[in-house]
Amino acid sequence: MAVSDMVRSYPADLGDIDREALVRCIEECLSCAQSCTACADACLSEADEQLPMLRKCVRSNLDCADICETTARVLSRHTGYDANITREILRACATVCRSCADECEQHASMHEHCDLCAQQCRRCEQACNALVESLG
């Protein structure tokens, strides 16, 4: 609700941006950043013999969390808005979410946290792509 309230309360005109898609994307990015951070930490807490095969997953999680957090921050700023920058960061976020989901899915049958993270990454990827499409 906080994201929606902040977007609604913005004092200037947001133009023809799809506010629902914007709110959903910001919320999914923030949720994905949290999921990826938690998944990376959970991977590091697995048994020592599991760590070598989870190394890439941890890296993917941390990269995805950083990109998602940055995307949410950029999407939350509207003063001096540049649609070209927004499109590119959304595409980058969708790409990193897809890559992270692919990596987590490789471990999902053994680690519930990877399954949950992959699902969240897919939701974020979809939200980013939907917002890009709404920008024209």
N, C-alpha and C. Protein backbone atom coordinates (compact mmCIF):
# COMPACT_ATOMS: atom_id res chain seq x y z
N MET A 1 0.81 -1.18 0.00
CA MET A 1 0.00 0.00 0.00
C MET A 1 0.86 1.26 0.00
N ALA A 2 2.00 1.26 0.64
CA ALA A 2 2.85 2.45 0.70
C ALA A 2 3.27 2.90 -0.69
N VAL A 3 3.62 1.97 -1.56
CA VAL A 3 4.03 2.33 -2.91
C VAL A 3 2.87 3.00 -3.63
N SER A 4 1.72 2.41 -3.55
CA SER A 4 0.53 2.97 -4.20
C SER A 4 0.22 4.36 -3.66
N ASP A 5 0.27 4.52 -2.35
CA ASP A 5 0.00 5.82 -1.74
C ASP A 5 1.00 6.87 -2.19
N MET A 6 2.27 6.50 -2.28
CA MET A 6 3.29 7.46 -2.70
C MET A 6 3.10 7.87 -4.16
N VAL A 7 2.78 6.92 -5.02
CA VAL A 7 2.55 7.25 -6.43
C VAL A 7 1.31 8.14 -6.56
N ARG A 8 0.27 7.78 -5.82
CA ARG A 8 -0.97 8.57 -5.86
C ARG A 8 -0.75 9.99 -5.37
N SER A 9 0.11 10.16 -4.38
CA SER A 9 0.31 11.47 -3.76
C SER A 9 1.30 12.36 -4.50
N TYR A 10 1.92 11.85 -5.55
CA TYR A 10 2.92 12.64 -6.29
C TYR A 10 2.25 13.91 -6.81
N PRO A 11 2.82 15.07 -6.52
CA PRO A 11 2.14 16.33 -6.82
C PRO A 11 2.11 16.73 -8.30
N ALA A 12 3.01 16.23 -9.09
CA ALA A 12 3.05 16.62 -10.51
C ALA A 12 2.38 15.57 -11.37
N ASP A 13 2.12 15.93 -12.60
CA ASP A 13 1.51 15.01 -13.55
C ASP A 13 2.52 13.93 -13.95
N LEU A 14 2.11 12.69 -13.90
CA LEU A 14 2.98 11.58 -14.29
C LEU A 14 2.85 11.25 -15.78
N GLY A 15 2.06 12.02 -16.49
CA GLY A 15 1.87 11.75 -17.91
C GLY A 15 0.97 10.54 -18.11
N ASP A 16 1.23 9.83 -19.19
CA ASP A 16 0.36 8.70 -19.53
C ASP A 16 0.88 7.36 -19.03
N ILE A 17 1.76 7.37 -18.05
CA ILE A 17 2.29 6.11 -17.51
C ILE A 17 1.17 5.33 -16.83
N ASP A 18 1.18 4.04 -17.01
CA ASP A 18 0.20 3.15 -16.39
C ASP A 18 0.56 3.04 -14.91
N ARG A 19 -0.18 3.74 -14.07
CA ARG A 19 0.14 3.79 -12.64
C ARG A 19 0.06 2.42 -11.97
N GLU A 20 -0.92 1.60 -12.36
CA GLU A 20 -1.02 0.26 -11.77
C GLU A 20 0.20 -0.57 -12.11
N ALA A 21 0.65 -0.50 -13.37
CA ALA A 21 1.83 -1.26 -13.78
C ALA A 21 3.07 -0.72 -13.07
N LEU A 22 3.14 0.59 -12.88
CA LEU A 22 4.27 1.20 -12.18
C LEU A 22 4.31 0.72 -10.73
N VAL A 23 3.19 0.79 -10.04
CA VAL A 23 3.13 0.36 -8.65
C VAL A 23 3.47 -1.12 -8.53
N ARG A 24 2.89 -1.93 -9.39
CA ARG A 24 3.17 -3.38 -9.35
C ARG A 24 4.65 -3.65 -9.56
N CYS A 25 5.24 -2.95 -10.50
CA CYS A 25 6.66 -3.18 -10.80
C CYS A 25 7.55 -2.78 -9.62
N ILE A 26 7.28 -1.64 -9.03
CA ILE A 26 8.07 -1.21 -7.87
C ILE A 26 7.93 -2.25 -6.75
N GLU A 27 6.70 -2.67 -6.47
CA GLU A 27 6.47 -3.66 -5.41
C GLU A 27 7.16 -4.98 -5.71
N GLU A 28 7.09 -5.44 -6.95
CA GLU A 28 7.73 -6.71 -7.31
C GLU A 28 9.25 -6.59 -7.23
N CYS A 29 9.79 -5.45 -7.63
CA CYS A 29 11.25 -5.25 -7.53
C CYS A 29 11.71 -5.29 -6.08
N LEU A 30 10.98 -4.61 -5.21
CA LEU A 30 11.35 -4.61 -3.79
C LEU A 30 11.22 -6.01 -3.19
N SER A 31 10.17 -6.71 -3.54
CA SER A 31 9.97 -8.07 -3.04
C SER A 31 11.05 -9.01 -3.58
N CYS A 32 11.40 -8.83 -4.83
CA CYS A 32 12.43 -9.67 -5.44
C CYS A 32 13.79 -9.42 -4.78
N ALA A 33 14.10 -8.17 -4.52
CA ALA A 33 15.37 -7.85 -3.86
C ALA A 33 15.45 -8.54 -2.50
N GLN A 34 14.35 -8.52 -1.76
CA GLN A 34 14.33 -9.18 -0.45
C GLN A 34 14.46 -10.69 -0.61
N SER A 35 13.71 -11.27 -1.54
CA SER A 35 13.77 -12.72 -1.76
C SER A 35 15.17 -13.17 -2.16
N CYS A 36 15.79 -12.43 -3.06
CA CYS A 36 17.12 -12.80 -3.52
C CYS A 36 18.17 -12.67 -2.41
N THR A 37 18.05 -11.62 -1.61
CA THR A 37 18.98 -11.46 -0.48
C THR A 37 18.81 -12.61 0.50
N ALA A 38 17.57 -12.95 0.80
CA ALA A 38 17.30 -14.06 1.73
C ALA A 38 17.75 -15.39 1.15
N CYS A 39 17.55 -15.59 -0.15
CA CYS A 39 17.96 -16.85 -0.78
C CYS A 39 19.49 -16.98 -0.75
N ALA A 40 20.18 -15.90 -1.06
CA ALA A 40 21.65 -15.95 -1.01
C ALA A 40 22.12 -16.32 0.39
N ASP A 41 21.51 -15.72 1.40
CA ASP A 41 21.89 -16.03 2.77
C ASP A 41 21.56 -17.48 3.12
N ALA A 42 20.39 -17.95 2.67
CA ALA A 42 20.01 -19.34 2.92
C ALA A 42 20.98 -20.30 2.23
N CYS A 43 21.37 -19.99 1.01
CA CYS A 43 22.35 -20.83 0.31
C CYS A 43 23.64 -20.93 1.11
N LEU A 44 24.08 -19.81 1.67
CA LEU A 44 25.31 -19.80 2.45
C LEU A 44 25.17 -20.56 3.77
N SER A 45 23.93 -20.81 4.18
CA SER A 45 23.68 -21.55 5.41
C SER A 45 23.50 -23.05 5.17
N GLU A 46 23.51 -23.47 3.94
CA GLU A 46 23.39 -24.90 3.63
C GLU A 46 24.65 -25.64 4.06
N ALA A 47 24.56 -26.94 4.08
CA ALA A 47 25.69 -27.78 4.49
C ALA A 47 26.91 -27.49 3.61
N ASP A 48 28.08 -27.62 4.19
CA ASP A 48 29.32 -27.29 3.50
C ASP A 48 29.47 -27.98 2.15
N GLU A 49 29.02 -29.23 2.05
CA GLU A 49 29.17 -29.97 0.78
C GLU A 49 28.27 -29.39 -0.32
N GLN A 50 27.25 -28.61 0.06
CA GLN A 50 26.34 -28.00 -0.91
C GLN A 50 26.90 -26.68 -1.49
N LEU A 51 27.78 -26.04 -0.74
CA LEU A 51 28.23 -24.71 -1.12
C LEU A 51 28.86 -24.59 -2.51
N PRO A 52 29.71 -25.53 -2.92
CA PRO A 52 30.30 -25.36 -4.26
C PRO A 52 29.26 -25.28 -5.38
N MET A 53 28.20 -26.06 -5.30
CA MET A 53 27.20 -26.02 -6.37
C MET A 53 26.22 -24.85 -6.20
N LEU A 54 26.25 -24.17 -5.07
CA LEU A 54 25.38 -23.02 -4.85
C LEU A 54 26.09 -21.68 -5.05
N ARG A 55 27.37 -21.74 -5.32
CA ARG A 55 28.17 -20.52 -5.46
C ARG A 55 27.60 -19.59 -6.53
N LYS A 56 27.28 -20.13 -7.70
CA LYS A 56 26.73 -19.30 -8.78
C LYS A 56 25.34 -18.76 -8.39
N CYS A 57 24.59 -19.55 -7.66
CA CYS A 57 23.27 -19.13 -7.21
C CYS A 57 23.39 -17.92 -6.28
N VAL A 58 24.32 -17.96 -5.37
CA VAL A 58 24.54 -16.84 -4.45
C VAL A 58 24.88 -15.58 -5.25
N ARG A 59 25.79 -15.72 -6.18
CA ARG A 59 26.19 -14.57 -7.00
C ARG A 59 25.00 -14.02 -7.79
N SER A 60 24.22 -14.90 -8.41
CA SER A 60 23.03 -14.48 -9.16
C SER A 60 22.03 -13.77 -8.26
N ASN A 61 21.82 -14.32 -7.06
CA ASN A 61 20.91 -13.71 -6.10
C ASN A 61 21.34 -12.30 -5.73
N LEU A 62 22.61 -12.13 -5.42
CA LEU A 62 23.09 -10.82 -4.98
C LEU A 62 23.06 -9.81 -6.12
N ASP A 63 23.41 -10.23 -7.33
CA ASP A 63 23.32 -9.33 -8.48
C ASP A 63 21.87 -8.92 -8.72
N CYS A 64 20.97 -9.88 -8.65
CA CYS A 64 19.55 -9.61 -8.89
C CYS A 64 19.00 -8.66 -7.83
N ALA A 65 19.35 -8.90 -6.58
CA ALA A 65 18.89 -8.02 -5.50
C ALA A 65 19.34 -6.58 -5.73
N ASP A 66 20.59 -6.41 -6.11
CA ASP A 66 21.11 -5.06 -6.36
C ASP A 66 20.39 -4.37 -7.51
N ILE A 67 20.19 -5.09 -8.61
CA ILE A 67 19.52 -4.50 -9.77
C ILE A 67 18.06 -4.20 -9.46
N CYS A 68 17.40 -5.08 -8.74
CA CYS A 68 15.99 -4.84 -8.38
C CYS A 68 15.83 -3.64 -7.46
N GLU A 69 16.71 -3.51 -6.48
CA GLU A 69 16.65 -2.35 -5.59
C GLU A 69 16.87 -1.06 -6.36
N THR A 70 17.85 -1.06 -7.24
CA THR A 70 18.13 0.12 -8.05
C THR A 70 16.95 0.45 -8.96
N THR A 71 16.37 -0.57 -9.56
CA THR A 71 15.22 -0.35 -10.44
C THR A 71 14.06 0.27 -9.67
N ALA A 72 13.77 -0.24 -8.49
CA ALA A 72 12.69 0.32 -7.67
C ALA A 72 12.96 1.78 -7.33
N ARG A 73 14.20 2.10 -7.02
CA ARG A 73 14.53 3.50 -6.70
C ARG A 73 14.37 4.40 -7.92
N VAL A 74 14.85 3.96 -9.07
CA VAL A 74 14.71 4.76 -10.30
C VAL A 74 13.24 4.96 -10.65
N LEU A 75 12.45 3.90 -10.53
CA LEU A 75 11.02 3.99 -10.84
C LEU A 75 10.27 4.89 -9.86
N SER A 76 10.82 5.09 -8.68
CA SER A 76 10.18 5.92 -7.66
C SER A 76 10.48 7.41 -7.85
N ARG A 77 11.38 7.73 -8.76
CA ARG A 77 11.73 9.14 -9.02
C ARG A 77 11.08 9.57 -10.33
N HIS A 78 10.36 10.67 -10.29
CA HIS A 78 9.64 11.11 -11.48
C HIS A 78 10.10 12.48 -11.98
N THR A 79 10.76 13.25 -11.15
CA THR A 79 11.24 14.57 -11.57
C THR A 79 12.34 14.39 -12.60
N GLY A 80 12.23 15.06 -13.74
CA GLY A 80 13.22 14.93 -14.79
C GLY A 80 13.19 13.57 -15.45
N TYR A 81 12.04 12.92 -15.47
CA TYR A 81 11.84 11.57 -16.00
C TYR A 81 12.36 11.43 -17.43
N ASP A 82 13.05 10.34 -17.69
CA ASP A 82 13.56 10.02 -19.02
C ASP A 82 13.11 8.60 -19.37
N ALA A 83 12.14 8.49 -20.28
CA ALA A 83 11.57 7.19 -20.63
C ALA A 83 12.62 6.24 -21.21
N ASN A 84 13.62 6.76 -21.90
CA ASN A 84 14.66 5.89 -22.48
C ASN A 84 15.45 5.19 -21.38
N ILE A 85 15.79 5.91 -20.33
CA ILE A 85 16.52 5.31 -19.22
C ILE A 85 15.63 4.29 -18.51
N THR A 86 14.37 4.66 -18.31
CA THR A 86 13.44 3.75 -17.63
C THR A 86 13.30 2.44 -18.40
N ARG A 87 13.12 2.53 -19.71
CA ARG A 87 13.00 1.32 -20.53
C ARG A 87 14.22 0.42 -20.38
N GLU A 88 15.40 1.02 -20.45
CA GLU A 88 16.63 0.22 -20.41
C GLU A 88 16.86 -0.42 -19.05
N ILE A 89 16.57 0.31 -17.98
CA ILE A 89 16.76 -0.30 -16.66
C ILE A 89 15.74 -1.41 -16.44
N LEU A 90 14.51 -1.22 -16.95
CA LEU A 90 13.50 -2.27 -16.83
C LEU A 90 13.91 -3.51 -17.62
N ARG A 91 14.47 -3.32 -18.80
CA ARG A 91 14.94 -4.47 -19.60
C ARG A 91 16.07 -5.19 -18.89
N ALA A 92 16.99 -4.41 -18.31
CA ALA A 92 18.11 -5.02 -17.57
C ALA A 92 17.59 -5.80 -16.36
N CYS A 93 16.63 -5.22 -15.67
CA CYS A 93 16.07 -5.90 -14.49
C CYS A 93 15.37 -7.19 -14.91
N ALA A 94 14.59 -7.15 -15.98
CA ALA A 94 13.92 -8.36 -16.46
C ALA A 94 14.95 -9.44 -16.83
N THR A 95 16.03 -9.03 -17.45
CA THR A 95 17.07 -9.98 -17.85
C THR A 95 17.73 -10.63 -16.64
N VAL A 96 18.10 -9.83 -15.65
CA VAL A 96 18.77 -10.39 -14.47
C VAL A 96 17.79 -11.25 -13.67
N CYS A 97 16.52 -10.87 -13.63
CA CYS A 97 15.52 -11.70 -12.93
C CYS A 97 15.35 -13.05 -13.63
N ARG A 98 15.31 -13.04 -14.96
CA ARG A 98 15.19 -14.29 -15.72
C ARG A 98 16.40 -15.18 -15.46
N SER A 99 17.58 -14.60 -15.48
CA SER A 99 18.80 -15.36 -15.25
C SER A 99 18.85 -15.94 -13.84
N CYS A 100 18.46 -15.13 -12.87
CA CYS A 100 18.46 -15.60 -11.48
C CYS A 100 17.43 -16.71 -11.28
N ALA A 101 16.26 -16.53 -11.88
CA ALA A 101 15.22 -17.57 -11.77
C ALA A 101 15.72 -18.87 -12.40
N ASP A 102 16.36 -18.78 -13.55
CA ASP A 102 16.90 -19.98 -14.21
C ASP A 102 17.90 -20.69 -13.29
N GLU A 103 18.76 -19.92 -12.65
CA GLU A 103 19.76 -20.51 -11.75
C GLU A 103 19.09 -21.13 -10.53
N CYS A 104 18.18 -20.40 -9.91
CA CYS A 104 17.51 -20.93 -8.71
C CYS A 104 16.70 -22.18 -9.02
N GLU A 105 16.09 -22.22 -10.19
CA GLU A 105 15.30 -23.40 -10.56
C GLU A 105 16.14 -24.66 -10.63
N GLN A 106 17.42 -24.52 -10.89
CA GLN A 106 18.30 -25.69 -10.93
C GLN A 106 18.45 -26.34 -9.54
N HIS A 107 18.18 -25.56 -8.50
CA HIS A 107 18.34 -26.06 -7.13
C HIS A 107 17.01 -26.20 -6.39
N ALA A 108 15.93 -25.86 -7.08
CA ALA A 108 14.61 -25.77 -6.43
C ALA A 108 14.12 -27.11 -5.87
N SER A 109 14.48 -28.21 -6.48
CA SER A 109 14.00 -29.50 -5.98
C SER A 109 14.66 -29.87 -4.65
N MET A 110 15.82 -29.30 -4.37
CA MET A 110 16.54 -29.60 -3.13
C MET A 110 16.40 -28.51 -2.07
N HIS A 111 16.12 -27.28 -2.53
CA HIS A 111 16.12 -26.14 -1.60
C HIS A 111 14.87 -25.29 -1.83
N GLU A 112 13.98 -25.30 -0.86
CA GLU A 112 12.73 -24.55 -0.98
C GLU A 112 12.99 -23.06 -1.19
N HIS A 113 14.02 -22.52 -0.54
CA HIS A 113 14.30 -21.10 -0.70
C HIS A 113 14.62 -20.76 -2.15
N CYS A 114 15.27 -21.66 -2.87
CA CYS A 114 15.55 -21.42 -4.29
C CYS A 114 14.26 -21.47 -5.11
N ASP A 115 13.37 -22.38 -4.78
CA ASP A 115 12.08 -22.45 -5.47
C ASP A 115 11.29 -21.16 -5.27
N LEU A 116 11.20 -20.70 -4.04
CA LEU A 116 10.46 -19.47 -3.74
C LEU A 116 11.10 -18.26 -4.42
N CYS A 117 12.41 -18.21 -4.41
CA CYS A 117 13.12 -17.09 -5.04
C CYS A 117 12.89 -17.09 -6.55
N ALA A 118 12.95 -18.26 -7.16
CA ALA A 118 12.72 -18.35 -8.61
C ALA A 118 11.33 -17.86 -8.97
N GLN A 119 10.34 -18.22 -8.17
CA GLN A 119 8.97 -17.76 -8.43
C GLN A 119 8.88 -16.24 -8.34
N GLN A 120 9.53 -15.66 -7.33
CA GLN A 120 9.49 -14.21 -7.19
C GLN A 120 10.24 -13.52 -8.33
N CYS A 121 11.35 -14.08 -8.74
CA CYS A 121 12.10 -13.51 -9.87
C CYS A 121 11.24 -13.51 -11.14
N ARG A 122 10.48 -14.57 -11.37
CA ARG A 122 9.60 -14.64 -12.55
C ARG A 122 8.51 -13.56 -12.46
N ARG A 123 7.96 -13.35 -11.26
CA ARG A 123 6.93 -12.30 -11.11
C ARG A 123 7.53 -10.92 -11.40
N CYS A 124 8.73 -10.69 -10.92
CA CYS A 124 9.38 -9.40 -11.15
C CYS A 124 9.71 -9.22 -12.63
N GLU A 125 10.21 -10.25 -13.25
CA GLU A 125 10.49 -10.20 -14.69
C GLU A 125 9.22 -9.82 -15.46
N GLN A 126 8.12 -10.47 -15.14
CA GLN A 126 6.84 -10.18 -15.81
C GLN A 126 6.40 -8.74 -15.57
N ALA A 127 6.55 -8.25 -14.34
CA ALA A 127 6.15 -6.88 -14.02
C ALA A 127 7.00 -5.87 -14.78
N CYS A 128 8.30 -6.13 -14.88
CA CYS A 128 9.19 -5.22 -15.63
C CYS A 128 8.81 -5.21 -17.11
N ASN A 129 8.57 -6.39 -17.67
CA ASN A 129 8.20 -6.46 -19.08
C ASN A 129 6.85 -5.78 -19.34
N ALA A 130 5.91 -5.93 -18.43
CA ALA A 130 4.61 -5.28 -18.58
C ALA A 130 4.73 -3.76 -18.54
N LEU A 131 5.58 -3.25 -17.67
CA LEU A 131 5.76 -1.81 -17.61
C LEU A 131 6.45 -1.29 -18.87
N VAL A 132 7.44 -2.02 -19.37
CA VAL A 132 8.09 -1.63 -20.62
C VAL A 132 7.06 -1.53 -21.74
N GLU A 133 6.21 -2.56 -21.84
CA GLU A 133 5.18 -2.56 -22.89
C GLU A 133 4.23 -1.38 -22.75
N SER A 134 3.92 -1.00 -21.52
CA SER A 134 2.97 0.11 -21.32
C SER A 134 3.61 1.46 -21.66
N LEU A 135 4.95 1.51 -21.69
CA LEU A 135 5.63 2.77 -22.00
C LEU A 135 5.62 3.05 -23.50
N GLY A 136 5.34 2.03 -24.30
CA GLY A 136 5.28 2.22 -25.75
C GLY A 136 6.57 2.14 -26.46
